[in-house]
Amino acid sequence: METYESVKSNPVQPEQKEKKKGGAWKGIVAVILAAGVVGSTTISAFNLVTLKSYIAEQKKEENPETTEDYVKIADNYEIKPTTNISDAYKSGDTSKLTDKEKETLDMAKKAIKDMKITDSMSDFEKEKAVYDWMTKKLQQDSGALTVIPSTQEDCDNPYGVLKYHNAVCVGYATTFRMFMQMMGIECKVEHNTEKFHSWDVVKIDGDWYITDIYSDAGNGNYANFNVTDAMYGQSQSWDRDYFPAANSLKYNMAYQNKKTVDSIYDLPKALRAAMDKKLGGVMVAFKEDITEEKAQVANAIASSIDNFLMSGNYKDMPYSLGTYNWIQDPDGKGYLFNVTMPGYNTDNTSQNISEKEQKKIDKAVQKAFQGLESANGDGMMMDGASADIGNKDMTMDDAAQNGATFSTEETVEAR
């Protein structure tokens, strides 16, 4: 049902394309070949073997094989193994650890104690305890002028994450993997094709799941916890031939929060109920059969809700929807509409702006943007008044009155 798919992704860092290195060696090869032709009518067998070896080496540098460790993310932060620390934890032998690794192990032990993890817990319960602790205790730097961690030399490894609570994605991913390996749970650090982001894939009860601690840090609402390749692939791409496939929904929180409604027009009410509980995601099942046309209408409803949230900045509501798409129900009962809601506008995420200052901000923004025409071409103009439907369930009529458009074209995408 891929034609039903509609995605609205959160803003991510701009893709950092790797510089192409292919031109130089090709020029060198051309010179060598030309020299061979000038010097003689043929190239010696020795020179030909040397040339082939050189070409193979250069192509290898252009297209390096995928590896889990020793990969640089954003050209600065390296994914490194931590098995020496996890092995020392399991064996009790720390004689081979450096002083820094011993300190990391001590901090990890205290963290596990703080997580209240016991041997009697299942692997899923242990994983969830680690996720809960990391997303709540290891929040990213805050403050308007904080653009990079203050401890750059350690922000990509467990030492820096546990000691300073400042980290980039690599630090969160390697720390989560270290905790999993300490408890005997198989886990790998994945990275995207463009090498600007990394996350984990963890094996629970025989199935692999993707977990992105960095993206959920500070809210811990499970938006990126135990998701599938299909779900995470809406915003990232990676070498799926190298890393294990994550296809199970058994331990995905959105699937566990699955809500069944009568029709697609009950979708706004279902999403509002999930938002009131501050869920990071929910999957909605429908009693009616989902046709192509109904799937497109559901996509449009989600797009309308997304636009409504972004335009209002409503307290205790998501800033916007994260992603939304159709997936096959593992129970074999049709399709599920999967929606993520990664971030909420709560007191904990406020910018500490006084009510008086906020009014000045609103007035300045409204003055600057007054007179804008609606993109729908209906003549509606921005006058500073906000729609008063934030405290009730949004119906299709409500959405239409607030500028929503509903299409039955083959693909409806969120902006």
Protein backbone atom coordinates (compact mmCIF):
# COMPACT_ATOMS: atom_id res chain seq x y z
CA MET A 1 0.00 0.00 0.00
CA GLU A 2 2.95 2.26 -0.63
CA THR A 3 0.90 4.62 -2.79
CA TYR A 4 -1.00 5.62 0.37
CA GLU A 5 2.15 6.84 2.00
CA SER A 6 2.37 10.44 3.11
CA VAL A 7 5.16 11.80 5.22
CA LYS A 8 5.83 14.99 7.11
CA SER A 9 9.31 14.93 8.62
CA ASN A 10 10.77 17.01 11.43
CA PRO A 11 13.48 19.50 10.47
CA VAL A 12 16.87 17.81 10.55
CA GLN A 13 20.35 19.00 10.02
CA PRO A 14 21.09 19.77 6.38
CA GLU A 15 22.48 16.84 4.51
CA GLN A 16 26.23 17.08 4.39
CA LYS A 17 27.20 15.51 1.12
CA GLU A 18 30.66 14.00 1.00
CA LYS A 19 33.06 15.62 -1.39
CA LYS A 20 33.58 13.59 -4.51
CA LYS A 21 37.12 12.28 -4.90
CA GLY A 22 36.80 10.46 -8.16
CA GLY A 23 38.19 13.01 -10.62
CA ALA A 24 41.82 13.08 -9.52
CA TRP A 25 42.68 9.39 -9.83
CA LYS A 26 40.97 9.15 -13.21
CA GLY A 27 43.19 11.95 -14.45
CA ILE A 28 46.28 10.13 -13.14
CA VAL A 29 45.21 6.94 -14.89
CA ALA A 30 44.78 8.88 -18.12
CA VAL A 31 48.34 10.24 -17.83
CA ILE A 32 49.75 6.77 -17.13
CA LEU A 33 47.93 5.29 -20.08
CA ALA A 34 49.08 8.12 -22.32
CA ALA A 35 52.67 7.66 -21.19
CA GLY A 36 52.43 3.96 -21.95
CA VAL A 37 51.21 4.65 -25.46
CA VAL A 38 53.98 7.22 -26.10
CA GLY A 39 56.76 5.05 -24.67
CA SER A 40 55.73 1.86 -26.40
CA THR A 41 52.86 0.31 -28.26
CA THR A 42 51.86 -1.75 -25.21
CA ILE A 43 52.01 -1.50 -21.42
CA SER A 44 54.12 -4.12 -19.64
CA ALA A 45 52.35 -6.80 -17.65
CA PHE A 46 53.95 -5.45 -14.46
CA ASN A 47 52.72 -1.92 -15.08
CA LEU A 48 49.25 -3.20 -15.98
CA VAL A 49 48.95 -5.13 -12.71
CA THR A 50 50.18 -2.07 -10.77
CA LEU A 51 47.67 0.15 -12.57
CA LYS A 52 44.77 -2.21 -11.86
CA SER A 53 45.76 -2.35 -8.19
CA TYR A 54 45.88 1.45 -8.03
CA ILE A 55 42.44 1.81 -9.64
CA ALA A 56 40.94 -0.75 -7.25
CA GLU A 57 42.38 1.07 -4.24
CA GLN A 58 41.05 4.42 -5.38
CA LYS A 59 37.58 3.01 -6.02
CA LYS A 60 37.65 1.51 -2.53
CA GLU A 61 38.35 4.94 -1.07
CA GLU A 62 35.48 6.42 -3.09
CA ASN A 63 33.03 3.74 -1.94
CA PRO A 64 34.25 2.50 1.45
CA GLU A 65 32.61 -0.60 2.85
CA THR A 66 30.02 0.04 5.55
CA THR A 67 31.23 -0.60 9.09
CA GLU A 68 29.65 -0.07 12.47
CA ASP A 69 32.62 1.44 14.28
CA TYR A 70 35.37 3.90 13.34
CA VAL A 71 32.96 5.95 11.26
CA LYS A 72 33.11 9.75 11.46
CA ILE A 73 29.78 11.55 11.70
CA ALA A 74 29.69 15.16 10.43
CA ASP A 75 33.44 14.80 9.83
CA ASN A 76 34.12 15.33 13.56
CA TYR A 77 32.53 12.71 15.80
CA GLU A 78 33.72 9.12 15.60
CA ILE A 79 31.75 6.00 16.47
CA LYS A 80 34.06 3.83 18.58
CA PRO A 81 33.54 0.42 20.22
CA THR A 82 32.92 0.17 23.96
CA THR A 83 33.02 -3.60 24.33
CA ASN A 84 36.08 -3.39 26.58
CA ILE A 85 33.96 -1.54 29.15
CA SER A 86 30.93 -3.83 28.84
CA ASP A 87 33.16 -6.92 28.96
CA ALA A 88 34.85 -5.62 32.12
CA TYR A 89 31.43 -5.07 33.70
CA LYS A 90 30.35 -8.65 32.98
CA SER A 91 33.66 -10.26 33.99
CA GLY A 92 34.53 -7.99 36.91
CA ASP A 93 38.08 -7.66 35.56
CA THR A 94 39.05 -4.01 35.02
CA SER A 95 42.80 -4.56 34.75
CA LYS A 96 42.85 -3.81 31.01
CA LEU A 97 40.88 -0.58 31.26
CA THR A 98 42.41 2.88 31.18
CA ASP A 99 41.68 5.29 34.03
CA LYS A 100 39.16 7.07 31.83
CA GLU A 101 37.42 3.80 30.98
CA LYS A 102 37.34 2.82 34.66
CA GLU A 103 35.67 6.13 35.48
CA THR A 104 33.18 5.53 32.65
CA LEU A 105 32.40 2.08 34.04
CA ASP A 106 31.89 3.47 37.56
CA MET A 107 29.46 6.09 36.23
CA ALA A 108 27.63 3.43 34.19
CA LYS A 109 27.27 1.19 37.28
CA LYS A 110 25.75 4.07 39.25
CA ALA A 111 23.40 4.81 36.38
CA ILE A 112 22.19 1.20 36.20
CA LYS A 113 21.56 1.29 39.93
CA ASP A 114 19.61 4.53 39.46
CA MET A 115 17.59 2.85 36.71
CA LYS A 116 16.56 0.14 39.22
CA ILE A 117 17.35 -2.62 36.75
CA THR A 118 17.25 -6.16 38.15
CA ASP A 119 18.17 -9.57 36.74
CA SER A 120 14.52 -10.64 36.87
CA MET A 121 13.48 -7.98 34.33
CA SER A 122 12.92 -8.92 30.69
CA ASP A 123 15.20 -7.54 27.98
CA PHE A 124 12.41 -5.17 26.92
CA GLU A 125 11.96 -3.90 30.47
CA LYS A 126 15.70 -3.32 30.77
CA GLU A 127 15.83 -1.54 27.43
CA LYS A 128 12.90 0.67 28.36
CA ALA A 129 14.48 1.50 31.73
CA VAL A 130 17.68 2.61 29.98
CA TYR A 131 15.71 4.67 27.46
CA ASP A 132 13.64 6.33 30.21
CA TRP A 133 16.72 7.19 32.24
CA MET A 134 18.75 8.53 29.32
CA THR A 135 15.98 10.67 27.84
CA LYS A 136 15.18 12.20 31.24
CA LYS A 137 18.59 12.46 32.90
CA LEU A 138 20.82 13.21 29.93
CA GLN A 139 19.09 16.15 28.34
CA GLN A 140 20.86 18.10 25.66
CA ASP A 141 22.31 21.55 26.33
CA SER A 142 19.69 24.25 26.80
CA GLY A 143 19.82 27.97 26.27
CA ALA A 144 19.40 30.18 23.25
CA LEU A 145 23.13 30.56 22.61
CA THR A 146 24.07 26.90 23.04
CA VAL A 147 24.81 25.55 19.60
CA ILE A 148 27.41 22.89 20.36
CA PRO A 149 28.31 20.90 23.49
CA SER A 150 30.82 22.62 25.76
CA THR A 151 32.85 19.43 26.12
CA GLN A 152 33.49 18.70 22.48
CA GLU A 153 36.35 16.27 23.03
CA ASP A 154 34.04 13.81 24.84
CA CYS A 155 30.60 14.54 23.43
CA ASP A 156 30.75 11.50 21.15
CA ASN A 157 31.47 8.84 23.78
CA PRO A 158 29.92 7.44 27.00
CA TYR A 159 32.47 9.20 29.22
CA GLY A 160 31.32 12.65 28.09
CA VAL A 161 27.63 11.71 28.06
CA LEU A 162 27.65 10.36 31.62
CA LYS A 163 30.01 12.94 33.10
CA TYR A 164 28.94 16.18 31.43
CA HIS A 165 25.47 15.35 30.06
CA ASN A 166 26.50 17.08 26.83
CA ALA A 167 26.41 14.97 23.70
CA VAL A 168 25.90 14.71 19.99
CA CYS A 169 24.00 11.79 18.48
CA VAL A 170 27.12 9.59 18.45
CA GLY A 171 27.51 9.97 22.20
CA TYR A 172 23.93 8.96 22.88
CA ALA A 173 24.08 6.02 20.46
CA THR A 174 27.35 4.58 21.80
CA THR A 175 26.23 5.06 25.42
CA PHE A 176 22.94 3.23 24.81
CA ARG A 177 24.81 0.43 23.04
CA MET A 178 27.25 0.18 25.96
CA PHE A 179 24.38 -0.20 28.44
CA MET A 180 22.74 -2.87 26.26
CA GLN A 181 25.98 -4.82 25.91
CA MET A 182 26.60 -4.59 29.66
CA MET A 183 23.28 -6.42 30.15
CA GLY A 184 23.93 -8.97 27.41
CA ILE A 185 21.49 -7.46 24.91
CA GLU A 186 22.69 -7.38 21.30
CA CYS A 187 22.89 -3.83 19.96
CA LYS A 188 24.55 -1.97 17.09
CA VAL A 189 25.12 1.68 16.21
CA GLU A 190 23.78 2.57 12.77
CA HIS A 191 24.54 5.71 10.76
CA ASN A 192 22.84 7.31 7.81
CA THR A 193 24.23 7.30 4.30
CA GLU A 194 25.19 10.98 4.43
CA LYS A 195 26.98 10.42 7.77
CA PHE A 196 25.40 13.26 9.71
CA HIS A 197 23.35 11.17 12.17
CA SER A 198 23.60 7.90 14.12
CA TRP A 199 21.25 5.80 16.24
CA ASP A 200 20.87 2.24 17.60
CA VAL A 201 19.33 -1.00 16.44
CA VAL A 202 18.68 -3.39 19.33
CA LYS A 203 17.61 -7.05 19.42
CA ILE A 204 14.71 -7.87 21.74
CA ASP A 205 13.23 -11.39 21.88
CA GLY A 206 14.75 -12.31 18.53
CA ASP A 207 13.60 -9.21 16.62
CA TRP A 208 15.51 -6.03 15.84
CA TYR A 209 14.19 -2.53 16.61
CA ILE A 210 15.52 0.97 15.89
CA THR A 211 15.88 3.32 18.87
CA ASP A 212 17.07 6.92 18.56
CA ILE A 213 17.85 8.25 22.05
CA TYR A 214 19.22 11.56 20.77
CA SER A 215 16.00 12.50 18.97
CA ASP A 216 13.91 11.77 22.08
CA ALA A 217 16.27 13.34 24.63
CA GLY A 218 14.47 15.74 26.92
CA ASN A 219 10.96 14.42 26.31
CA GLY A 220 11.13 10.62 26.41
CA ASN A 221 7.75 10.12 24.76
CA TYR A 222 8.85 7.06 22.72
CA ALA A 223 8.47 8.74 19.34
CA ASN A 224 11.73 7.09 18.20
CA PHE A 225 11.70 4.04 20.47
CA ASN A 226 11.61 0.54 18.96
CA VAL A 227 10.48 1.64 15.51
CA THR A 228 10.80 -0.30 12.26
CA ASP A 229 12.92 0.32 9.19
CA ALA A 230 9.80 1.41 7.31
CA MET A 231 8.92 3.96 10.00
CA TYR A 232 12.41 5.36 10.52
CA GLY A 233 13.14 5.28 6.82
CA GLN A 234 10.72 8.17 6.31
CA SER A 235 13.45 10.56 7.49
CA GLN A 236 16.75 8.65 7.18
CA SER A 237 18.54 6.37 4.74
CA TRP A 238 21.26 3.84 5.57
CA ASP A 239 22.94 0.68 4.30
CA ARG A 240 20.19 -1.87 4.85
CA ASP A 241 22.26 -4.64 3.33
CA TYR A 242 24.83 -4.29 6.13
CA PHE A 243 22.69 -3.56 9.20
CA PRO A 244 20.03 -6.00 10.47
CA ALA A 245 16.44 -5.45 9.38
CA ALA A 246 14.01 -4.02 11.94
CA ASN A 247 10.50 -5.14 10.98
CA SER A 248 8.68 -6.06 14.20
CA LEU A 249 6.11 -3.85 15.92
CA LYS A 250 5.63 -6.02 19.02
CA TYR A 251 7.54 -3.69 21.35
CA ASN A 252 6.79 -0.43 19.57
CA MET A 253 4.94 1.97 21.88
CA ALA A 254 2.78 3.52 19.15
CA TYR A 255 1.59 0.03 18.21
CA GLN A 256 0.92 -0.77 21.86
CA ASN A 257 -1.11 2.47 21.96
CA LYS A 258 -3.15 1.37 18.92
CA LYS A 259 -6.58 2.97 18.75
CA THR A 260 -9.45 1.60 16.65
CA VAL A 261 -12.07 4.03 15.29
CA ASP A 262 -15.05 3.70 12.97
CA SER A 263 -13.95 5.87 10.05
CA ILE A 264 -11.23 8.21 8.79
CA TYR A 265 -13.30 11.18 9.99
CA ASP A 266 -12.71 9.99 13.56
CA LEU A 267 -8.96 10.48 13.05
CA PRO A 268 -8.83 14.05 14.51
CA LYS A 269 -10.54 12.88 17.69
CA ALA A 270 -8.18 9.90 18.03
CA LEU A 271 -5.10 12.08 17.56
CA ARG A 272 -6.38 14.67 20.02
CA ALA A 273 -6.88 11.93 22.63
CA ALA A 274 -3.29 10.77 22.08
CA MET A 275 -2.02 14.35 22.39
CA ASP A 276 -3.89 14.85 25.65
CA LYS A 277 -1.91 11.89 27.00
CA LYS A 278 1.28 13.42 25.52
CA LEU A 279 2.04 10.23 23.61
CA GLY A 280 4.97 10.26 21.24
CA GLY A 281 3.05 8.29 18.67
CA VAL A 282 -0.10 6.35 17.98
CA MET A 283 -1.34 3.93 15.34
CA VAL A 284 -4.97 4.22 14.31
CA ALA A 285 -6.94 1.28 12.93
CA PHE A 286 -10.27 1.68 11.12
CA LYS A 287 -13.32 -0.54 11.15
CA GLU A 288 -14.17 0.53 7.61
CA ASP A 289 -12.21 -0.70 4.59
CA ILE A 290 -9.53 1.77 3.55
CA THR A 291 -9.70 2.58 -0.14
CA GLU A 292 -7.20 4.70 -2.05
CA GLU A 293 -9.52 7.71 -1.85
CA LYS A 294 -10.08 7.32 1.90
CA ALA A 295 -6.36 6.95 2.49
CA GLN A 296 -5.71 10.24 0.69
CA VAL A 297 -8.39 11.99 2.76
CA ALA A 298 -6.77 10.69 5.96
CA ASN A 299 -3.43 12.06 4.75
CA ALA A 300 -5.06 15.42 4.14
CA ILE A 301 -6.64 15.42 7.59
CA ALA A 302 -3.23 14.83 9.16
CA SER A 303 -1.75 17.62 7.03
CA SER A 304 -4.50 19.97 8.20
CA ILE A 305 -3.88 19.09 11.86
CA ASP A 306 -0.16 19.59 11.33
CA ASN A 307 -0.71 23.06 9.85
CA PHE A 308 -3.09 23.93 12.66
CA LEU A 309 -0.56 22.96 15.34
CA MET A 310 2.31 24.84 13.70
CA SER A 311 0.25 28.00 13.31
CA GLY A 312 -1.01 28.10 16.91
CA ASN A 313 1.87 27.11 19.26
CA TYR A 314 -0.68 25.67 21.70
CA LYS A 315 0.42 24.87 25.24
CA ASP A 316 0.62 21.15 26.08
CA MET A 317 0.10 20.26 22.42
CA PRO A 318 2.72 19.06 19.91
CA TYR A 319 4.55 21.77 17.99
CA SER A 320 3.64 19.75 14.91
CA LEU A 321 3.20 16.20 13.76
CA GLY A 322 6.44 14.35 13.16
CA THR A 323 5.70 11.82 10.44
CA TYR A 324 2.55 10.08 9.28
CA ASN A 325 2.22 7.13 6.94
CA TRP A 326 0.28 3.94 6.28
CA ILE A 327 1.67 0.57 7.36
CA GLN A 328 0.40 -3.00 7.24
CA ASP A 329 -1.22 -4.19 10.45
CA PRO A 330 0.83 -7.17 11.76
CA ASP A 331 -2.45 -8.73 12.87
CA GLY A 332 -3.40 -9.00 9.20
CA LYS A 333 -6.46 -6.80 9.62
CA GLY A 334 -5.89 -4.12 7.03
CA TYR A 335 -3.79 -1.00 7.48
CA LEU A 336 -2.75 1.29 10.31
CA PHE A 337 -2.29 5.05 10.12
CA ASN A 338 0.95 5.70 12.01
CA VAL A 339 1.51 9.18 13.45
CA THR A 340 4.46 10.45 15.53
CA MET A 341 4.34 13.52 17.76
CA PRO A 342 7.93 14.02 18.94
CA GLY A 343 7.84 17.34 20.81
CA TYR A 344 5.29 19.07 23.04
CA ASN A 345 5.00 22.74 24.01
CA THR A 346 5.17 22.36 27.80
CA ASP A 347 6.46 24.54 30.62
CA ASN A 348 9.68 22.51 30.57
CA THR A 349 10.40 23.56 26.99
CA SER A 350 9.41 27.21 27.28
CA GLN A 351 11.82 29.99 26.45
CA ASN A 352 11.22 31.79 29.77
CA ILE A 353 9.44 34.69 28.08
CA SER A 354 7.19 36.86 30.24
CA GLU A 355 3.56 37.42 29.25
CA LYS A 356 4.28 41.11 28.61
CA GLU A 357 7.23 40.25 26.36
CA GLN A 358 5.19 37.62 24.52
CA LYS A 359 2.53 40.22 23.72
CA LYS A 360 5.20 42.50 22.28
CA ILE A 361 6.50 39.62 20.19
CA ASP A 362 3.01 38.74 18.92
CA LYS A 363 2.33 42.38 18.03
CA ALA A 364 5.60 42.72 16.12
CA VAL A 365 5.03 39.48 14.19
CA GLN A 366 1.43 40.34 13.34
CA LYS A 367 2.43 43.83 12.15
CA ALA A 368 5.20 42.46 9.94
CA PHE A 369 3.08 39.72 8.37
CA GLN A 370 -0.29 41.43 8.26
CA GLY A 371 -2.06 41.21 4.93
CA LEU A 372 -0.72 37.83 3.78
CA GLU A 373 -3.12 35.96 1.54
CA SER A 374 -4.03 32.36 2.26
CA ALA A 375 -2.23 29.82 0.10
CA ASN A 376 -5.62 28.35 -0.74
CA GLY A 377 -6.47 31.49 -2.72
CA ASP A 378 -9.69 32.00 -0.78
CA GLY A 379 -8.95 35.63 -0.03
CA MET A 380 -8.40 35.02 3.67
CA MET A 381 -5.99 37.55 5.18
CA MET A 382 -3.91 37.32 8.32
CA ASP A 383 -5.32 39.75 10.87
CA GLY A 384 -3.65 38.47 14.01
CA ALA A 385 -6.69 36.56 15.23
CA SER A 386 -6.14 32.89 16.01
CA ALA A 387 -8.68 30.16 15.39
CA ASP A 388 -10.50 29.20 18.56
CA ILE A 389 -10.71 25.46 18.09
CA GLY A 390 -7.76 24.38 20.20
CA ASN A 391 -10.02 23.21 23.02
CA LYS A 392 -12.28 20.91 21.04
CA ASP A 393 -12.05 17.94 18.69
CA MET A 394 -11.36 19.05 15.13
CA THR A 395 -13.85 17.83 12.55
CA MET A 396 -13.48 17.96 8.79
CA ASP A 397 -15.62 21.10 8.73
CA ASP A 398 -13.39 22.69 11.38
CA ALA A 399 -10.32 21.85 9.34
CA ALA A 400 -11.86 23.22 6.15
CA GLN A 401 -12.78 26.47 7.87
CA ASN A 402 -9.15 26.84 8.92
CA GLY A 403 -7.74 26.49 5.45
CA ALA A 404 -7.44 22.72 5.02
CA THR A 405 -7.63 21.28 1.55
CA PHE A 406 -8.66 17.70 0.80
CA SER A 407 -7.42 15.99 -2.32
CA THR A 408 -8.02 12.64 -3.98
CA GLU A 409 -4.90 12.82 -6.14
CA GLU A 410 -2.58 9.84 -6.08
CA THR A 411 -0.26 11.33 -3.49
CA VAL A 412 -0.98 13.92 -0.80
CA GLU A 413 2.12 15.14 0.98
CA ALA A 414 2.53 17.38 3.99
CA ARG A 415 4.45 20.56 3.41
